Amino acid sequence: MPDEREPDPVDEGELVNLSQMAEELGVTRQWLHKLRTTDPNFPTSKRKPGSTREVWDLAEARAYYRSRELRPGERTDLKPPAAEA
C-alpha cells in the first residue's frame, strides 16, 4: 500500500538525509523528526531515481528552518516560588 505522502523524485540540488540535515542545522535528528511529523510546512522529502530513501533539499530545509515561527517555552526559573495556602 503506497504512502499518502509519496515523495517526488528529484536529482538536483544538495540532497541530504535527516541525520545530515540535523547536523547542518545544528539540531538533533529527533527534533527534526518531530517537526516533520507535526508541522505541515516542513519541506517534503524527495527521492533519487531508483532509491527508496527519503532525502531533502538542503537549501529548502535551511529556508524552512530560518522562517519558522519560534515559540520558546516559559522560563520557570525566574518565577518566585508559589505561596502555599
PDB file of N, CA and C in Angstrom:
ATOM      1  N   MET A   1       0.854  -1.178   0.000  1.00  0.00           N
ATOM      2  CA  MET A   1       0.000   0.000   0.000  1.00  0.00           C
ATOM      3  C   MET A   1       0.894   1.233   0.000  1.00  0.00           C
ATOM      4  N   PRO A   2       0.803   2.098  -0.987  1.00  0.00           N
ATOM      5  CA  PRO A   2       1.678   3.262  -1.057  1.00  0.00           C
ATOM      6  C   PRO A   2       1.346   4.291   0.020  1.00  0.00           C
ATOM      7  N   ASP A   3       2.387   5.004   0.433  1.00  0.00           N
ATOM      8  CA  ASP A   3       2.244   6.074   1.416  1.00  0.00           C
ATOM      9  C   ASP A   3       1.455   7.225   0.787  1.00  0.00           C
ATOM     10  N   GLU A   4       0.623   7.885   1.599  1.00  0.00           N
ATOM     11  CA  GLU A   4      -0.164   9.000   1.091  1.00  0.00           C
ATOM     12  C   GLU A   4       0.728  10.156   0.648  1.00  0.00           C
ATOM     13  N   ARG A   5       1.849  10.360   1.352  1.00  0.00           N
ATOM     14  CA  ARG A   5       2.767  11.440   1.013  1.00  0.00           C
ATOM     15  C   ARG A   5       3.945  10.884   0.222  1.00  0.00           C
ATOM     16  N   GLU A   6       3.684  10.348  -0.916  1.00  0.00           N
ATOM     17  CA  GLU A   6       4.752   9.776  -1.748  1.00  0.00           C
ATOM     18  C   GLU A   6       5.697  10.895  -2.184  1.00  0.00           C
ATOM     19  N   PRO A   7       6.985  10.814  -1.821  1.00  0.00           N
ATOM     20  CA  PRO A   7       7.930  11.870  -2.188  1.00  0.00           C
ATOM     21  C   PRO A   7       8.118  11.970  -3.691  1.00  0.00           C
ATOM     22  N   ASP A   8       8.387  13.182  -4.129  1.00  0.00           N
ATOM     23  CA  ASP A   8       8.643  13.417  -5.542  1.00  0.00           C
ATOM     24  C   ASP A   8      10.069  13.007  -5.886  1.00  0.00           C
ATOM     25  N   PRO A   9      10.282  12.326  -7.006  1.00  0.00           N
ATOM     26  CA  PRO A   9      11.649  12.021  -7.400  1.00  0.00           C
ATOM     27  C   PRO A   9      12.354  13.296  -7.858  1.00  0.00           C
ATOM     28  N   VAL A  10      13.633  13.423  -7.548  1.00  0.00           N
ATOM     29  CA  VAL A  10      14.394  14.610  -7.928  1.00  0.00           C
ATOM     30  C   VAL A  10      15.860  14.244  -8.023  1.00  0.00           C
ATOM     31  N   ASP A  11      16.608  14.965  -8.803  1.00  0.00           N
ATOM     32  CA  ASP A  11      18.038  14.725  -8.883  1.00  0.00           C
ATOM     33  C   ASP A  11      18.815  16.028  -9.004  1.00  0.00           C
ATOM     34  N   GLU A  12      18.351  17.098  -8.342  1.00  0.00           N
ATOM     35  CA  GLU A  12      19.051  18.373  -8.406  1.00  0.00           C
ATOM     36  C   GLU A  12      19.207  18.950  -7.007  1.00  0.00           C
ATOM     37  N   GLY A  13      20.127  19.890  -6.832  1.00  0.00           N
ATOM     38  CA  GLY A  13      20.371  20.495  -5.532  1.00  0.00           C
ATOM     39  C   GLY A  13      21.157  19.565  -4.630  1.00  0.00           C
ATOM     40  N   GLU A  14      21.530  20.067  -3.458  1.00  0.00           N
ATOM     41  CA  GLU A  14      22.249  19.234  -2.498  1.00  0.00           C
ATOM     42  C   GLU A  14      21.234  18.490  -1.647  1.00  0.00           C
ATOM     43  N   LEU A  15      21.165  17.202  -1.827  1.00  0.00           N
ATOM     44  CA  LEU A  15      20.198  16.378  -1.125  1.00  0.00           C
ATOM     45  C   LEU A  15      20.863  15.731   0.082  1.00  0.00           C
ATOM     46  N   VAL A  16      20.171  15.785   1.226  1.00  0.00           N
ATOM     47  CA  VAL A  16      20.710  15.225   2.464  1.00  0.00           C
ATOM     48  C   VAL A  16      19.628  14.393   3.142  1.00  0.00           C
ATOM     49  N   ASN A  17      20.080  13.418   3.963  1.00  0.00           N
ATOM     50  CA  ASN A  17      19.113  12.659   4.742  1.00  0.00           C
ATOM     51  C   ASN A  17      18.827  13.414   6.040  1.00  0.00           C
ATOM     52  N   LEU A  18      17.957  12.876   6.870  1.00  0.00           N
ATOM     53  CA  LEU A  18      17.536  13.576   8.082  1.00  0.00           C
ATOM     54  C   LEU A  18      18.705  13.811   9.040  1.00  0.00           C
ATOM     55  N   SER A  19      19.595  12.841   9.176  1.00  0.00           N
ATOM     56  CA  SER A  19      20.752  12.990  10.059  1.00  0.00           C
ATOM     57  C   SER A  19      21.694  14.083   9.564  1.00  0.00           C
ATOM     58  N   GLN A  20      21.942  14.117   8.267  1.00  0.00           N
ATOM     59  CA  GLN A  20      22.808  15.143   7.697  1.00  0.00           C
ATOM     60  C   GLN A  20      22.175  16.525   7.827  1.00  0.00           C
ATOM     61  N   MET A  21      20.854  16.602   7.639  1.00  0.00           N
ATOM     62  CA  MET A  21      20.158  17.876   7.784  1.00  0.00           C
ATOM     63  C   MET A  21      20.269  18.381   9.218  1.00  0.00           C
ATOM     64  N   ALA A  22      20.104  17.481  10.184  1.00  0.00           N
ATOM     65  CA  ALA A  22      20.208  17.859  11.589  1.00  0.00           C
ATOM     66  C   ALA A  22      21.594  18.419  11.891  1.00  0.00           C
ATOM     67  N   GLU A  23      22.615  17.778  11.369  1.00  0.00           N
ATOM     68  CA  GLU A  23      23.985  18.248  11.593  1.00  0.00           C
ATOM     69  C   GLU A  23      24.194  19.630  10.974  1.00  0.00           C
ATOM     70  N   GLU A  24      23.697  19.834   9.782  1.00  0.00           N
ATOM     71  CA  GLU A  24      23.841  21.119   9.099  1.00  0.00           C
ATOM     72  C   GLU A  24      23.099  22.244   9.832  1.00  0.00           C
ATOM     73  N   LEU A  25      21.933  21.926  10.403  1.00  0.00           N
ATOM     74  CA  LEU A  25      21.129  22.941  11.085  1.00  0.00           C
ATOM     75  C   LEU A  25      21.509  23.100  12.556  1.00  0.00           C
ATOM     76  N   GLY A  26      22.323  22.180  13.070  1.00  0.00           N
ATOM     77  CA  GLY A  26      22.744  22.267  14.465  1.00  0.00           C
ATOM     78  C   GLY A  26      21.676  21.838  15.448  1.00  0.00           C
ATOM     79  N   VAL A  27      20.846  20.895  15.049  1.00  0.00           N
ATOM     80  CA  VAL A  27      19.786  20.381  15.924  1.00  0.00           C
ATOM     81  C   VAL A  27      19.868  18.856  15.918  1.00  0.00           C
ATOM     82  N   THR A  28      19.018  18.211  16.710  1.00  0.00           N
ATOM     83  CA  THR A  28      19.032  16.754  16.747  1.00  0.00           C
ATOM     84  C   THR A  28      18.117  16.185  15.668  1.00  0.00           C
ATOM     85  N   ARG A  29      18.422  14.963  15.288  1.00  0.00           N
ATOM     86  CA  ARG A  29      17.603  14.246  14.320  1.00  0.00           C
ATOM     87  C   ARG A  29      16.199  14.037  14.872  1.00  0.00           C
ATOM     88  N   GLN A  30      16.113  13.795  16.181  1.00  0.00           N
ATOM     89  CA  GLN A  30      14.812  13.577  16.819  1.00  0.00           C
ATOM     90  C   GLN A  30      13.940  14.835  16.725  1.00  0.00           C
ATOM     91  N   TRP A  31      14.554  16.011  16.885  1.00  0.00           N
ATOM     92  CA  TRP A  31      13.807  17.274  16.795  1.00  0.00           C
ATOM     93  C   TRP A  31      13.264  17.452  15.376  1.00  0.00           C
ATOM     94  N   LEU A  32      14.101  17.164  14.383  1.00  0.00           N
ATOM     95  CA  LEU A  32      13.629  17.289  13.006  1.00  0.00           C
ATOM     96  C   LEU A  32      12.521  16.291  12.702  1.00  0.00           C
ATOM     97  N   HIS A  33      12.637  15.088  13.248  1.00  0.00           N
ATOM     98  CA  HIS A  33      11.578  14.100  13.036  1.00  0.00           C
ATOM     99  C   HIS A  33      10.266  14.596  13.641  1.00  0.00           C
ATOM    100  N   LYS A  34      10.345  15.205  14.818  1.00  0.00           N
ATOM    101  CA  LYS A  34       9.131  15.742  15.441  1.00  0.00           C
ATOM    102  C   LYS A  34       8.532  16.843  14.569  1.00  0.00           C
ATOM    103  N   LEU A  35       9.376  17.757  14.081  1.00  0.00           N
ATOM    104  CA  LEU A  35       8.877  18.814  13.192  1.00  0.00           C
ATOM    105  C   LEU A  35       8.272  18.214  11.928  1.00  0.00           C
ATOM    106  N   ARG A  36       8.936  17.209  11.400  1.00  0.00           N
ATOM    107  CA  ARG A  36       8.479  16.567  10.168  1.00  0.00           C
ATOM    108  C   ARG A  36       7.088  15.967  10.329  1.00  0.00           C
ATOM    109  N   THR A  37       6.823  15.403  11.498  1.00  0.00           N
ATOM    110  CA  THR A  37       5.539  14.738  11.694  1.00  0.00           C
ATOM    111  C   THR A  37       4.438  15.670  12.199  1.00  0.00           C
ATOM    112  N   THR A  38       4.802  16.849  12.724  1.00  0.00           N
ATOM    113  CA  THR A  38       3.782  17.730  13.288  1.00  0.00           C
ATOM    114  C   THR A  38       3.582  19.028  12.520  1.00  0.00           C
ATOM    115  N   ASP A  39       4.574  19.479  11.763  1.00  0.00           N
ATOM    116  CA  ASP A  39       4.476  20.770  11.070  1.00  0.00           C
ATOM    117  C   ASP A  39       4.162  20.541   9.593  1.00  0.00           C
ATOM    118  N   PRO A  40       2.983  20.974   9.152  1.00  0.00           N
ATOM    119  CA  PRO A  40       2.629  20.765   7.742  1.00  0.00           C
ATOM    120  C   PRO A  40       3.503  21.571   6.779  1.00  0.00           C
ATOM    121  N   ASN A  41       4.232  22.571   7.278  1.00  0.00           N
ATOM    122  CA  ASN A  41       5.096  23.376   6.425  1.00  0.00           C
ATOM    123  C   ASN A  41       6.494  22.783   6.255  1.00  0.00           C
ATOM    124  N   PHE A  42       6.779  21.682   6.946  1.00  0.00           N
ATOM    125  CA  PHE A  42       8.094  21.048   6.813  1.00  0.00           C
ATOM    126  C   PHE A  42       8.284  20.643   5.358  1.00  0.00           C
ATOM    127  N   PRO A  43       9.477  20.872   4.806  1.00  0.00           N
ATOM    128  CA  PRO A  43       9.679  20.540   3.381  1.00  0.00           C
ATOM    129  C   PRO A  43       9.378  19.070   3.086  1.00  0.00           C
ATOM    130  N   THR A  44       8.813  18.838   1.931  1.00  0.00           N
ATOM    131  CA  THR A  44       8.515  17.461   1.539  1.00  0.00           C
ATOM    132  C   THR A  44       9.799  16.760   1.122  1.00  0.00           C
ATOM    133  N   SER A  45       9.837  15.479   1.387  1.00  0.00           N
ATOM    134  CA  SER A  45      11.024  14.709   1.025  1.00  0.00           C
ATOM    135  C   SER A  45      11.001  14.397  -0.467  1.00  0.00           C
ATOM    136  N   LYS A  46      12.160  14.069  -0.951  1.00  0.00           N
ATOM    137  CA  LYS A  46      12.322  13.717  -2.353  1.00  0.00           C
ATOM    138  C   LYS A  46      13.048  12.386  -2.400  1.00  0.00           C
ATOM    139  N   ARG A  47      13.092  11.792  -3.550  1.00  0.00           N
ATOM    140  CA  ARG A  47      13.825  10.532  -3.711  1.00  0.00           C
ATOM    141  C   ARG A  47      14.673  10.605  -4.966  1.00  0.00           C
ATOM    142  N   LYS A  48      15.886  10.106  -4.838  1.00  0.00           N
ATOM    143  CA  LYS A  48      16.736   9.996  -6.017  1.00  0.00           C
ATOM    144  C   LYS A  48      16.155   8.880  -6.882  1.00  0.00           C
ATOM    145  N   PRO A  49      16.271   8.997  -8.181  1.00  0.00           N
ATOM    146  CA  PRO A  49      15.735   7.941  -9.052  1.00  0.00           C
ATOM    147  C   PRO A  49      16.323   6.585  -8.690  1.00  0.00           C
ATOM    148  N   GLY A  50      15.462   5.599  -8.534  1.00  0.00           N
ATOM    149  CA  GLY A  50      15.880   4.246  -8.213  1.00  0.00           C
ATOM    150  C   GLY A  50      16.131   3.993  -6.738  1.00  0.00           C
ATOM    151  N   SER A  51      15.878   4.970  -5.880  1.00  0.00           N
ATOM    152  CA  SER A  51      16.131   4.809  -4.451  1.00  0.00           C
ATOM    153  C   SER A  51      14.825   4.840  -3.671  1.00  0.00           C
ATOM    154  N   THR A  52      14.830   4.202  -2.530  1.00  0.00           N
ATOM    155  CA  THR A  52      13.666   4.238  -1.646  1.00  0.00           C
ATOM    156  C   THR A  52      13.913   5.123  -0.435  1.00  0.00           C
ATOM    157  N   ARG A  53      15.112   5.695  -0.316  1.00  0.00           N
ATOM    158  CA  ARG A  53      15.445   6.536   0.833  1.00  0.00           C
ATOM    159  C   ARG A  53      14.966   7.966   0.616  1.00  0.00           C
ATOM    160  N   GLU A  54      14.426   8.527   1.692  1.00  0.00           N
ATOM    161  CA  GLU A  54      13.970   9.904   1.613  1.00  0.00           C
ATOM    162  C   GLU A  54      15.148  10.848   1.839  1.00  0.00           C
ATOM    163  N   VAL A  55      15.192  11.904   1.039  1.00  0.00           N
ATOM    164  CA  VAL A  55      16.199  12.947   1.172  1.00  0.00           C
ATOM    165  C   VAL A  55      15.500  14.294   1.009  1.00  0.00           C
ATOM    166  N   TRP A  56      16.164  15.330   1.492  1.00  0.00           N
ATOM    167  CA  TRP A  56      15.611  16.679   1.427  1.00  0.00           C
ATOM    168  C   TRP A  56      16.616  17.602   0.776  1.00  0.00           C
ATOM    169  N   ASP A  57      16.112  18.624   0.103  1.00  0.00           N
ATOM    170  CA  ASP A  57      16.960  19.648  -0.473  1.00  0.00           C
ATOM    171  C   ASP A  57      17.460  20.515   0.679  1.00  0.00           C
ATOM    172  N   LEU A  58      18.769  20.623   0.837  1.00  0.00           N
ATOM    173  CA  LEU A  58      19.342  21.333   1.978  1.00  0.00           C
ATOM    174  C   LEU A  58      18.978  22.807   1.971  1.00  0.00           C
ATOM    175  N   ALA A  59      18.990  23.451   0.817  1.00  0.00           N
ATOM    176  CA  ALA A  59      18.634  24.869   0.739  1.00  0.00           C
ATOM    177  C   ALA A  59      17.179  25.085   1.160  1.00  0.00           C
ATOM    178  N   GLU A  60      16.303  24.201   0.737  1.00  0.00           N
ATOM    179  CA  GLU A  60      14.885  24.289   1.105  1.00  0.00           C
ATOM    180  C   GLU A  60      14.709  24.079   2.612  1.00  0.00           C
ATOM    181  N   ALA A  61      15.456  23.136   3.166  1.00  0.00           N
ATOM    182  CA  ALA A  61      15.374  22.868   4.606  1.00  0.00           C
ATOM    183  C   ALA A  61      15.891  24.052   5.413  1.00  0.00           C
ATOM    184  N   ARG A  62      16.987  24.660   4.968  1.00  0.00           N
ATOM    185  CA  ARG A  62      17.523  25.839   5.666  1.00  0.00           C
ATOM    186  C   ARG A  62      16.520  26.986   5.633  1.00  0.00           C
ATOM    187  N   ALA A  63      15.917  27.224   4.471  1.00  0.00           N
ATOM    188  CA  ALA A  63      14.929  28.300   4.344  1.00  0.00           C
ATOM    189  C   ALA A  63      13.737  28.047   5.274  1.00  0.00           C
ATOM    190  N   TYR A  64      13.272  26.803   5.319  1.00  0.00           N
ATOM    191  CA  TYR A  64      12.165  26.460   6.218  1.00  0.00           C
ATOM    192  C   TYR A  64      12.555  26.726   7.669  1.00  0.00           C
ATOM    193  N   TYR A  65      13.721  26.252   8.077  1.00  0.00           N
ATOM    194  CA  TYR A  65      14.114  26.350   9.478  1.00  0.00           C
ATOM    195  C   TYR A  65      14.313  27.804   9.901  1.00  0.00           C
ATOM    196  N   ARG A  66      14.844  28.651   9.012  1.00  0.00           N
ATOM    197  CA  ARG A  66      15.033  30.073   9.335  1.00  0.00           C
ATOM    198  C   ARG A  66      13.704  30.810   9.419  1.00  0.00           C
ATOM    199  N   SER A  67      12.726  30.396   8.621  1.00  0.00           N
ATOM    200  CA  SER A  67      11.473  31.151   8.533  1.00  0.00           C
ATOM    201  C   SER A  67      10.392  30.699   9.513  1.00  0.00           C
ATOM    202  N   ARG A  68      10.601  29.565  10.199  1.00  0.00           N
ATOM    203  CA  ARG A  68       9.526  29.082  11.057  1.00  0.00           C
ATOM    204  C   ARG A  68       9.372  29.946  12.302  1.00  0.00           C
ATOM    205  N   GLU A  69       8.168  29.987  12.815  1.00  0.00           N
ATOM    206  CA  GLU A  69       7.844  30.787  13.997  1.00  0.00           C
ATOM    207  C   GLU A  69       8.427  30.127  15.246  1.00  0.00           C
ATOM    208  N   LEU A  70       9.199  30.906  15.991  1.00  0.00           N
ATOM    209  CA  LEU A  70       9.773  30.380  17.226  1.00  0.00           C
ATOM    210  C   LEU A  70       8.772  30.541  18.353  1.00  0.00           C
ATOM    211  N   ARG A  71       8.627  29.503  19.136  1.00  0.00           N
ATOM    212  CA  ARG A  71       7.708  29.544  20.269  1.00  0.00           C
ATOM    213  C   ARG A  71       8.459  29.050  21.502  1.00  0.00           C
ATOM    214  N   PRO A  72       9.289  29.912  22.071  1.00  0.00           N
ATOM    215  CA  PRO A  72      10.067  29.457  23.222  1.00  0.00           C
ATOM    216  C   PRO A  72       9.173  29.149  24.411  1.00  0.00           C
ATOM    217  N   GLY A  73       9.655  28.250  25.230  1.00  0.00           N
ATOM    218  CA  GLY A  73       8.908  27.880  26.428  1.00  0.00           C
ATOM    219  C   GLY A  73       8.988  28.965  27.492  1.00  0.00           C
ATOM    220  N   GLU A  74       8.126  28.882  28.447  1.00  0.00           N
ATOM    221  CA  GLU A  74       8.101  29.841  29.546  1.00  0.00           C
ATOM    222  C   GLU A  74       9.177  29.451  30.556  1.00  0.00           C
ATOM    223  N   ARG A  75       9.954  30.436  30.986  1.00  0.00           N
ATOM    224  CA  ARG A  75      11.010  30.161  31.954  1.00  0.00           C
ATOM    225  C   ARG A  75      10.426  30.124  33.356  1.00  0.00           C
ATOM    226  N   THR A  76      10.540  28.997  33.977  1.00  0.00           N
ATOM    227  CA  THR A  76      10.006  28.850  35.334  1.00  0.00           C
ATOM    228  C   THR A  76      11.050  29.172  36.386  1.00  0.00           C
ATOM    229  N   ASP A  77      12.321  29.228  36.009  1.00  0.00           N
ATOM    230  CA  ASP A  77      13.358  29.518  36.989  1.00  0.00           C
ATOM    231  C   ASP A  77      13.373  30.982  37.410  1.00  0.00           C
ATOM    232  N   LEU A  78      12.674  31.845  36.687  1.00  0.00           N
ATOM    233  CA  LEU A  78      12.640  33.270  37.028  1.00  0.00           C
ATOM    234  C   LEU A  78      11.426  33.640  37.874  1.00  0.00           C
ATOM    235  N   LYS A  79      10.509  32.708  38.032  1.00  0.00           N
ATOM    236  CA  LYS A  79       9.300  32.982  38.816  1.00  0.00           C
ATOM    237  C   LYS A  79       9.588  32.781  40.294  1.00  0.00           C
ATOM    238  N   PRO A  80       8.970  33.600  41.154  1.00  0.00           N
ATOM    239  CA  PRO A  80       9.109  33.356  42.590  1.00  0.00           C
ATOM    240  C   PRO A  80       8.359  32.064  42.962  1.00  0.00           C
ATOM    241  N   PRO A  81       8.814  31.373  43.989  1.00  0.00           N
ATOM    242  CA  PRO A  81       8.114  30.147  44.413  1.00  0.00           C
ATOM    243  C   PRO A  81       6.655  30.442  44.740  1.00  0.00           C
ATOM    244  N   ALA A  82       5.788  29.508  44.423  1.00  0.00           N
ATOM    245  CA  ALA A  82       4.362  29.669  44.698  1.00  0.00           C
ATOM    246  C   ALA A  82       4.139  29.609  46.202  1.00  0.00           C
ATOM    247  N   ALA A  83       3.305  30.511  46.701  1.00  0.00           N
ATOM    248  CA  ALA A  83       2.987  30.539  48.138  1.00  0.00           C
ATOM    249  C   ALA A  83       2.016  29.401  48.457  1.00  0.00           C
ATOM    250  N   GLU A  84       2.313  28.683  49.511  1.00  0.00           N
ATOM    251  CA  GLU A  84       1.435  27.585  49.905  1.00  0.00           C
ATOM    252  C   GLU A  84       0.267  28.138  50.706  1.00  0.00           C
ATOM    253  N   ALA A  85      -0.932  27.626  50.482  1.00  0.00           N
ATOM    254  CA  ALA A  85      -2.125  28.138  51.155  1.00  0.00           C
ATOM    255  C   ALA A  85      -2.409  27.357  52.421  1.00  0.00           C
TER     256      ALA A  85
END
